[in-house]
Amino acid sequence: MKLTLFDLDHTLLPIDSDYAWGVFTSTIGWTDPVHFDRRNDEFFAHYQAGTLDIREYVRFATAALRQHGAIQAQTAHVEFMKTVVAPAIKQQALALVRQHQQAGDEVLIVTATNEFVTRPIAQAFGVAELIAVELEVDTAPGGSGWITGEIVGVPSFREGKIARVTQWLANRQLDWPDVETTFYSDSINDLSLLERVTHPVATNPDAPLRALASARGWRILDLF
């Protein structure tokens, strides 16, 4: 099997979907823009520096979702897709995904952003297989039936991406030696998975990843 993995934010999209969703919730009045933007910027800086506490961030990022409930959240996400995500989906990114699909590759999006934000985005790219941060749902008797702000299992972040892809393979009775793997990513946060695959591709890379990819002779793709 040829397995092609794509990071999402700043790799297939020229935006960070998680950050953009947070900004969007401020524009529709779900959060105080001054307080939210300050905290959102702090978490984004930690992500870029490789020091993000993913569980703390997910509690913060899903607070407005938890408050407004599933129906309002889904309605808001439709508008988010229309006004923010759709204009950011570029033809060259779609063409790259299609190229691998038409070659017969199994294509996955592997992202550290949560599944609520990213599932519709993966669908917009025509990718059925998504590995994202899984959100716990309160299914206890008398519970809310909605997300709690906690993460289920291993978050697909940094080294966790390897664990989640390994589990995806195991669910199909496969292991890493059984597949030829390609991974496209922009971020030094994804270094462990880039080092694990057969063909690492530094895509729109941040400065640390660009320097490392150049030193190691990895392919560098400036998609945007």
C-alpha atoms as a PDB file:
ATOM      1  CA  MET A   1       0.000   0.000   0.000  1.00  0.00           C
ATOM      2  CA  LYS A   2       1.089   3.559  -0.703  1.00  0.00           C
ATOM      3  CA  LEU A   3      -0.092   5.774   2.132  1.00  0.00           C
ATOM      4  CA  THR A   4      -0.043   9.557   1.769  1.00  0.00           C
ATOM      5  CA  LEU A   5      -0.485  11.662   4.899  1.00  0.00           C
ATOM      6  CA  PHE A   6      -1.248  15.370   4.907  1.00  0.00           C
ATOM      7  CA  ASP A   7      -1.070  17.795   7.772  1.00  0.00           C
ATOM      8  CA  LEU A   8      -3.853  20.354   7.377  1.00  0.00           C
ATOM      9  CA  ASP A   9      -3.122  23.823   8.724  1.00  0.00           C
ATOM     10  CA  HIS A  10      -0.544  25.764   6.685  1.00  0.00           C
ATOM     11  CA  THR A  11       0.022  22.598   4.647  1.00  0.00           C
ATOM     12  CA  LEU A  12      -3.175  22.025   2.662  1.00  0.00           C
ATOM     13  CA  LEU A  13      -4.700  25.256   3.964  1.00  0.00           C
ATOM     14  CA  PRO A  14      -2.840  28.595   4.043  1.00  0.00           C
ATOM     15  CA  ILE A  15      -4.546  29.293   7.383  1.00  0.00           C
ATOM     16  CA  ASP A  16      -4.671  27.643  10.803  1.00  0.00           C
ATOM     17  CA  SER A  17      -8.241  26.310  10.958  1.00  0.00           C
ATOM     18  CA  ASP A  18      -8.270  26.032  14.748  1.00  0.00           C
ATOM     19  CA  TYR A  19      -7.057  29.601  15.212  1.00  0.00           C
ATOM     20  CA  ALA A  20      -9.436  30.823  12.495  1.00  0.00           C
ATOM     21  CA  TRP A  21     -12.381  29.088  14.167  1.00  0.00           C
ATOM     22  CA  GLY A  22     -11.534  30.886  17.398  1.00  0.00           C
ATOM     23  CA  VAL A  23     -11.466  34.241  15.633  1.00  0.00           C
ATOM     24  CA  PHE A  24     -14.755  33.367  13.927  1.00  0.00           C
ATOM     25  CA  THR A  25     -16.466  32.655  17.260  1.00  0.00           C
ATOM     26  CA  SER A  26     -15.470  36.140  18.395  1.00  0.00           C
ATOM     27  CA  THR A  27     -16.926  37.727  15.267  1.00  0.00           C
ATOM     28  CA  ILE A  28     -20.303  36.060  15.864  1.00  0.00           C
ATOM     29  CA  GLY A  29     -20.367  37.201  19.481  1.00  0.00           C
ATOM     30  CA  TRP A  30     -19.681  33.906  21.228  1.00  0.00           C
ATOM     31  CA  THR A  31     -16.598  35.145  23.046  1.00  0.00           C
ATOM     32  CA  ASP A  32     -15.192  38.407  24.332  1.00  0.00           C
ATOM     33  CA  PRO A  33     -12.861  39.391  21.482  1.00  0.00           C
ATOM     34  CA  VAL A  34     -10.199  41.114  23.587  1.00  0.00           C
ATOM     35  CA  HIS A  35      -9.841  38.321  26.150  1.00  0.00           C
ATOM     36  CA  PHE A  36     -10.236  35.523  23.618  1.00  0.00           C
ATOM     37  CA  ASP A  37      -7.799  36.957  21.097  1.00  0.00           C
ATOM     38  CA  ARG A  38      -5.161  37.448  23.785  1.00  0.00           C
ATOM     39  CA  ARG A  39      -5.457  33.850  24.996  1.00  0.00           C
ATOM     40  CA  ASN A  40      -5.712  32.494  21.441  1.00  0.00           C
ATOM     41  CA  ASP A  41      -2.540  34.339  20.457  1.00  0.00           C
ATOM     42  CA  GLU A  42      -0.749  32.963  23.529  1.00  0.00           C
ATOM     43  CA  PHE A  43      -1.675  29.378  22.651  1.00  0.00           C
ATOM     44  CA  PHE A  44      -0.696  29.908  19.002  1.00  0.00           C
ATOM     45  CA  ALA A  45       2.705  31.236  20.070  1.00  0.00           C
ATOM     46  CA  HIS A  46       3.197  28.143  22.234  1.00  0.00           C
ATOM     47  CA  TYR A  47       2.258  25.934  19.268  1.00  0.00           C
ATOM     48  CA  GLN A  48       4.806  27.648  17.028  1.00  0.00           C
ATOM     49  CA  ALA A  49       7.439  27.294  19.765  1.00  0.00           C
ATOM     50  CA  GLY A  50       6.651  23.611  20.307  1.00  0.00           C
ATOM     51  CA  THR A  51       5.538  24.154  23.922  1.00  0.00           C
ATOM     52  CA  LEU A  52       1.758  23.842  23.588  1.00  0.00           C
ATOM     53  CA  ASP A  53      -0.216  21.958  26.263  1.00  0.00           C
ATOM     54  CA  ILE A  54      -2.723  20.400  23.869  1.00  0.00           C
ATOM     55  CA  ARG A  55      -5.225  19.376  26.559  1.00  0.00           C
ATOM     56  CA  GLU A  56      -5.308  22.841  28.101  1.00  0.00           C
ATOM     57  CA  TYR A  57      -5.705  24.348  24.655  1.00  0.00           C
ATOM     58  CA  VAL A  58      -8.613  22.070  23.698  1.00  0.00           C
ATOM     59  CA  ARG A  59     -10.481  23.000  26.888  1.00  0.00           C
ATOM     60  CA  PHE A  60     -10.047  26.649  25.943  1.00  0.00           C
ATOM     61  CA  ALA A  61     -10.857  26.189  22.246  1.00  0.00           C
ATOM     62  CA  THR A  62     -14.068  24.229  22.866  1.00  0.00           C
ATOM     63  CA  ALA A  63     -15.462  26.401  25.679  1.00  0.00           C
ATOM     64  CA  ALA A  64     -17.795  28.341  23.369  1.00  0.00           C
ATOM     65  CA  LEU A  65     -18.911  25.127  21.671  1.00  0.00           C
ATOM     66  CA  ARG A  66     -19.820  23.586  25.009  1.00  0.00           C
ATOM     67  CA  GLN A  67     -21.755  26.682  26.042  1.00  0.00           C
ATOM     68  CA  HIS A  68     -23.819  26.997  22.860  1.00  0.00           C
ATOM     69  CA  GLY A  69     -24.579  23.336  22.254  1.00  0.00           C
ATOM     70  CA  ALA A  70     -24.550  21.027  19.261  1.00  0.00           C
ATOM     71  CA  ILE A  71     -27.252  22.625  17.098  1.00  0.00           C
ATOM     72  CA  GLN A  72     -25.874  26.161  17.285  1.00  0.00           C
ATOM     73  CA  ALA A  73     -22.348  24.820  16.862  1.00  0.00           C
ATOM     74  CA  GLN A  74     -23.200  22.946  13.671  1.00  0.00           C
ATOM     75  CA  THR A  75     -25.010  25.976  12.243  1.00  0.00           C
ATOM     76  CA  ALA A  76     -22.046  28.200  13.044  1.00  0.00           C
ATOM     77  CA  HIS A  77     -19.619  25.740  11.453  1.00  0.00           C
ATOM     78  CA  VAL A  78     -21.569  25.780   8.177  1.00  0.00           C
ATOM     79  CA  GLU A  79     -21.113  29.563   8.077  1.00  0.00           C
ATOM     80  CA  PHE A  80     -17.436  29.173   9.042  1.00  0.00           C
ATOM     81  CA  MET A  81     -16.910  26.803   6.121  1.00  0.00           C
ATOM     82  CA  LYS A  82     -18.635  29.183   3.738  1.00  0.00           C
ATOM     83  CA  THR A  83     -16.987  32.440   4.757  1.00  0.00           C
ATOM     84  CA  VAL A  84     -13.557  31.390   6.066  1.00  0.00           C
ATOM     85  CA  VAL A  85     -12.520  27.932   4.896  1.00  0.00           C
ATOM     86  CA  ALA A  86     -13.891  27.752   1.355  1.00  0.00           C
ATOM     87  CA  PRO A  87     -12.034  30.892   0.189  1.00  0.00           C
ATOM     88  CA  ALA A  88      -8.825  29.418   1.683  1.00  0.00           C
ATOM     89  CA  ILE A  89      -9.013  26.118  -0.234  1.00  0.00           C
ATOM     90  CA  LYS A  90      -6.646  26.647  -3.139  1.00  0.00           C
ATOM     91  CA  GLN A  91      -6.667  24.802  -6.434  1.00  0.00           C
ATOM     92  CA  GLN A  92      -3.042  23.696  -6.099  1.00  0.00           C
ATOM     93  CA  ALA A  93      -3.825  21.993  -2.790  1.00  0.00           C
ATOM     94  CA  LEU A  94      -6.846  20.214  -4.228  1.00  0.00           C
ATOM     95  CA  ALA A  95      -4.778  19.133  -7.220  1.00  0.00           C
ATOM     96  CA  LEU A  96      -2.062  17.671  -4.987  1.00  0.00           C
ATOM     97  CA  VAL A  97      -4.597  15.583  -3.071  1.00  0.00           C
ATOM     98  CA  ARG A  98      -6.240  14.418  -6.309  1.00  0.00           C
ATOM     99  CA  GLN A  99      -2.842  13.502  -7.759  1.00  0.00           C
ATOM    100  CA  HIS A 100      -2.237  11.017  -4.960  1.00  0.00           C
ATOM    101  CA  GLN A 101      -5.782   9.690  -5.017  1.00  0.00           C
ATOM    102  CA  GLN A 102      -5.664   9.119  -8.766  1.00  0.00           C
ATOM    103  CA  ALA A 103      -2.345   7.292  -8.361  1.00  0.00           C
ATOM    104  CA  GLY A 104      -4.151   4.840  -6.091  1.00  0.00           C
ATOM    105  CA  ASP A 105      -2.681   6.046  -2.794  1.00  0.00           C
ATOM    106  CA  GLU A 106      -4.619   5.774   0.438  1.00  0.00           C
ATOM    107  CA  VAL A 107      -4.889   9.404   1.563  1.00  0.00           C
ATOM    108  CA  LEU A 108      -5.264  10.591   5.172  1.00  0.00           C
ATOM    109  CA  ILE A 109      -5.346  13.989   6.787  1.00  0.00           C
ATOM    110  CA  VAL A 110      -3.500  13.883  10.117  1.00  0.00           C
ATOM    111  CA  THR A 111      -4.032  17.038  12.156  1.00  0.00           C
ATOM    112  CA  ALA A 112      -3.634  18.325  15.694  1.00  0.00           C
ATOM    113  CA  THR A 113      -6.851  20.305  15.326  1.00  0.00           C
ATOM    114  CA  ASN A 114      -9.985  18.744  16.776  1.00  0.00           C
ATOM    115  CA  GLU A 115     -12.405  16.649  14.771  1.00  0.00           C
ATOM    116  CA  PHE A 116     -15.335  19.078  15.101  1.00  0.00           C
ATOM    117  CA  VAL A 117     -13.442  21.792  13.257  1.00  0.00           C
ATOM    118  CA  THR A 118     -11.684  19.564  10.722  1.00  0.00           C
ATOM    119  CA  ARG A 119     -14.118  16.827   9.645  1.00  0.00           C
ATOM    120  CA  PRO A 120     -16.028  19.121   7.245  1.00  0.00           C
ATOM    121  CA  ILE A 121     -12.726  20.491   5.942  1.00  0.00           C
ATOM    122  CA  ALA A 122     -11.434  16.998   5.151  1.00  0.00           C
ATOM    123  CA  GLN A 123     -14.707  16.321   3.335  1.00  0.00           C
ATOM    124  CA  ALA A 124     -14.240  19.516   1.323  1.00  0.00           C
ATOM    125  CA  PHE A 125     -10.886  18.136   0.168  1.00  0.00           C
ATOM    126  CA  GLY A 126     -12.531  14.839  -0.743  1.00  0.00           C
ATOM    127  CA  VAL A 127     -10.604  12.951   1.944  1.00  0.00           C
ATOM    128  CA  ALA A 128     -12.655  10.384   3.861  1.00  0.00           C
ATOM    129  CA  GLU A 129      -9.941   9.293   6.294  1.00  0.00           C
ATOM    130  CA  LEU A 130      -9.209  11.813   9.035  1.00  0.00           C
ATOM    131  CA  ILE A 131      -7.004  11.485  12.099  1.00  0.00           C
ATOM    132  CA  ALA A 132      -7.730  14.456  14.371  1.00  0.00           C
ATOM    133  CA  VAL A 133      -7.949  15.217  18.068  1.00  0.00           C
ATOM    134  CA  GLU A 134     -10.955  13.233  19.275  1.00  0.00           C
ATOM    135  CA  LEU A 135     -13.290  15.047  21.653  1.00  0.00           C
ATOM    136  CA  GLU A 136     -14.931  13.335  24.598  1.00  0.00           C
ATOM    137  CA  VAL A 137     -18.749  13.347  24.556  1.00  0.00           C
ATOM    138  CA  ASP A 138     -20.830  13.165  27.730  1.00  0.00           C
ATOM    139  CA  THR A 139     -22.807   9.965  27.157  1.00  0.00           C
ATOM    140  CA  ALA A 140     -23.600   9.259  30.819  1.00  0.00           C
ATOM    141  CA  PRO A 141     -27.287   8.789  31.770  1.00  0.00           C
ATOM    142  CA  GLY A 142     -28.731  12.264  32.068  1.00  0.00           C
ATOM    143  CA  GLY A 143     -25.599  13.744  30.521  1.00  0.00           C
ATOM    144  CA  SER A 144     -25.452  16.521  27.985  1.00  0.00           C
ATOM    145  CA  GLY A 145     -24.746  14.299  24.984  1.00  0.00           C
ATOM    146  CA  TRP A 146     -22.289  16.976  23.872  1.00  0.00           C
ATOM    147  CA  ILE A 147     -18.550  17.505  24.109  1.00  0.00           C
ATOM    148  CA  THR A 148     -16.934  17.935  27.522  1.00  0.00           C
ATOM    149  CA  GLY A 149     -13.742  19.753  26.562  1.00  0.00           C
ATOM    150  CA  GLU A 150     -11.570  16.724  27.230  1.00  0.00           C
ATOM    151  CA  ILE A 151      -9.639  14.611  24.719  1.00  0.00           C
ATOM    152  CA  VAL A 152     -10.296  10.928  24.064  1.00  0.00           C
ATOM    153  CA  GLY A 153      -7.205   8.739  23.750  1.00  0.00           C
ATOM    154  CA  VAL A 154      -3.921   9.931  22.307  1.00  0.00           C
ATOM    155  CA  PRO A 155      -4.077  13.435  20.796  1.00  0.00           C
ATOM    156  CA  SER A 156      -2.757  13.567  17.236  1.00  0.00           C
ATOM    157  CA  PHE A 157      -0.113  16.107  18.160  1.00  0.00           C
ATOM    158  CA  ARG A 158       3.663  15.836  17.809  1.00  0.00           C
ATOM    159  CA  GLU A 159       4.688  12.223  18.640  1.00  0.00           C
ATOM    160  CA  GLY A 160       1.013  11.385  19.093  1.00  0.00           C
ATOM    161  CA  LYS A 161       0.611  11.492  15.320  1.00  0.00           C
ATOM    162  CA  ILE A 162       2.864   8.434  15.027  1.00  0.00           C
ATOM    163  CA  ALA A 163       0.811   6.598  17.637  1.00  0.00           C
ATOM    164  CA  ARG A 164      -2.455   7.409  15.890  1.00  0.00           C
ATOM    165  CA  VAL A 165      -1.198   6.407  12.431  1.00  0.00           C
ATOM    166  CA  THR A 166       0.238   3.207  13.917  1.00  0.00           C
ATOM    167  CA  GLN A 167      -3.201   2.414  15.359  1.00  0.00           C
ATOM    168  CA  TRP A 168      -4.865   3.230  12.028  1.00  0.00           C
ATOM    169  CA  LEU A 169      -2.535   0.720  10.350  1.00  0.00           C
ATOM    170  CA  ALA A 170      -3.080  -1.906  13.043  1.00  0.00           C
ATOM    171  CA  ASN A 171      -6.838  -1.624  12.583  1.00  0.00           C
ATOM    172  CA  ARG A 172      -6.210  -2.774   8.996  1.00  0.00           C
ATOM    173  CA  GLN A 173      -3.794  -5.544  10.011  1.00  0.00           C
ATOM    174  CA  LEU A 174      -0.872  -3.490   8.721  1.00  0.00           C
ATOM    175  CA  ASP A 175       2.361  -2.114  10.164  1.00  0.00           C
ATOM    176  CA  TRP A 176       4.864   0.481   8.955  1.00  0.00           C
ATOM    177  CA  PRO A 177       6.986  -2.012   6.947  1.00  0.00           C
ATOM    178  CA  ASP A 178       3.850  -2.955   4.977  1.00  0.00           C
ATOM    179  CA  VAL A 179       3.350   0.513   3.493  1.00  0.00           C
ATOM    180  CA  GLU A 180       5.266   3.133   1.537  1.00  0.00           C
ATOM    181  CA  THR A 181       4.522   6.386   3.284  1.00  0.00           C
ATOM    182  CA  THR A 182       4.647  10.040   2.285  1.00  0.00           C
ATOM    183  CA  PHE A 183       3.946  12.880   4.702  1.00  0.00           C
ATOM    184  CA  TYR A 184       3.414  16.536   3.824  1.00  0.00           C
ATOM    185  CA  SER A 185       3.795  19.013   6.694  1.00  0.00           C
ATOM    186  CA  ASP A 186       4.758  22.627   7.299  1.00  0.00           C
ATOM    187  CA  SER A 187       5.745  22.359  10.947  1.00  0.00           C
ATOM    188  CA  ILE A 188       8.741  21.378  13.031  1.00  0.00           C
ATOM    189  CA  ASN A 189       6.114  20.071  15.484  1.00  0.00           C
ATOM    190  CA  ASP A 190       5.664  17.180  13.038  1.00  0.00           C
ATOM    191  CA  LEU A 191       9.339  16.260  12.951  1.00  0.00           C
ATOM    192  CA  SER A 192       8.842  12.849  14.560  1.00  0.00           C
ATOM    193  CA  LEU A 193       6.357  11.734  11.905  1.00  0.00           C
ATOM    194  CA  LEU A 194       8.414  13.267   9.090  1.00  0.00           C
ATOM    195  CA  GLU A 195      11.358  11.190  10.303  1.00  0.00           C
ATOM    196  CA  ARG A 196       9.194   8.052  10.472  1.00  0.00           C
ATOM    197  CA  VAL A 197       7.814   8.025   6.923  1.00  0.00           C
ATOM    198  CA  THR A 198       9.454   6.849   3.715  1.00  0.00           C
ATOM    199  CA  HIS A 199       9.144  10.196   1.936  1.00  0.00           C
ATOM    200  CA  PRO A 200       9.038  13.369   4.078  1.00  0.00           C
ATOM    201  CA  VAL A 201       7.945  16.528   2.262  1.00  0.00           C
ATOM    202  CA  ALA A 202       8.451  19.873   3.994  1.00  0.00           C
ATOM    203  CA  THR A 203       5.467  21.809   2.655  1.00  0.00           C
ATOM    204  CA  ASN A 204       5.325  25.590   3.060  1.00  0.00           C
ATOM    205  CA  PRO A 205       7.770  24.899   5.901  1.00  0.00           C
ATOM    206  CA  ASP A 206       8.320  27.111   8.909  1.00  0.00           C
ATOM    207  CA  ALA A 207      11.857  28.408   9.324  1.00  0.00           C
ATOM    208  CA  PRO A 208      13.158  25.590  11.574  1.00  0.00           C
ATOM    209  CA  LEU A 209      11.727  22.871   9.335  1.00  0.00           C
ATOM    210  CA  ARG A 210      13.016  24.540   6.173  1.00  0.00           C
ATOM    211  CA  ALA A 211      16.524  24.664   7.590  1.00  0.00           C
ATOM    212  CA  LEU A 212      16.381  21.041   8.732  1.00  0.00           C
ATOM    213  CA  ALA A 213      14.886  19.812   5.453  1.00  0.00           C
ATOM    214  CA  SER A 214      17.584  21.605   3.489  1.00  0.00           C
ATOM    215  CA  ALA A 215      20.297  20.075   5.669  1.00  0.00           C
ATOM    216  CA  ARG A 216      18.878  16.571   5.275  1.00  0.00           C
ATOM    217  CA  GLY A 217      18.092  16.813   1.592  1.00  0.00           C
ATOM    218  CA  TRP A 218      14.355  16.385   2.058  1.00  0.00           C
ATOM    219  CA  ARG A 219      11.988  17.577  -0.625  1.00  0.00           C
ATOM    220  CA  ILE A 220      10.699  21.095  -0.012  1.00  0.00           C
ATOM    221  CA  LEU A 221       7.375  22.076  -1.576  1.00  0.00           C
ATOM    222  CA  ASP A 222       6.177  25.677  -1.500  1.00  0.00           C
ATOM    223  CA  LEU A 223       2.557  25.024  -2.349  1.00  0.00           C
ATOM    224  CA  PHE A 224       1.373  28.547  -1.602  1.00  0.00           C
END
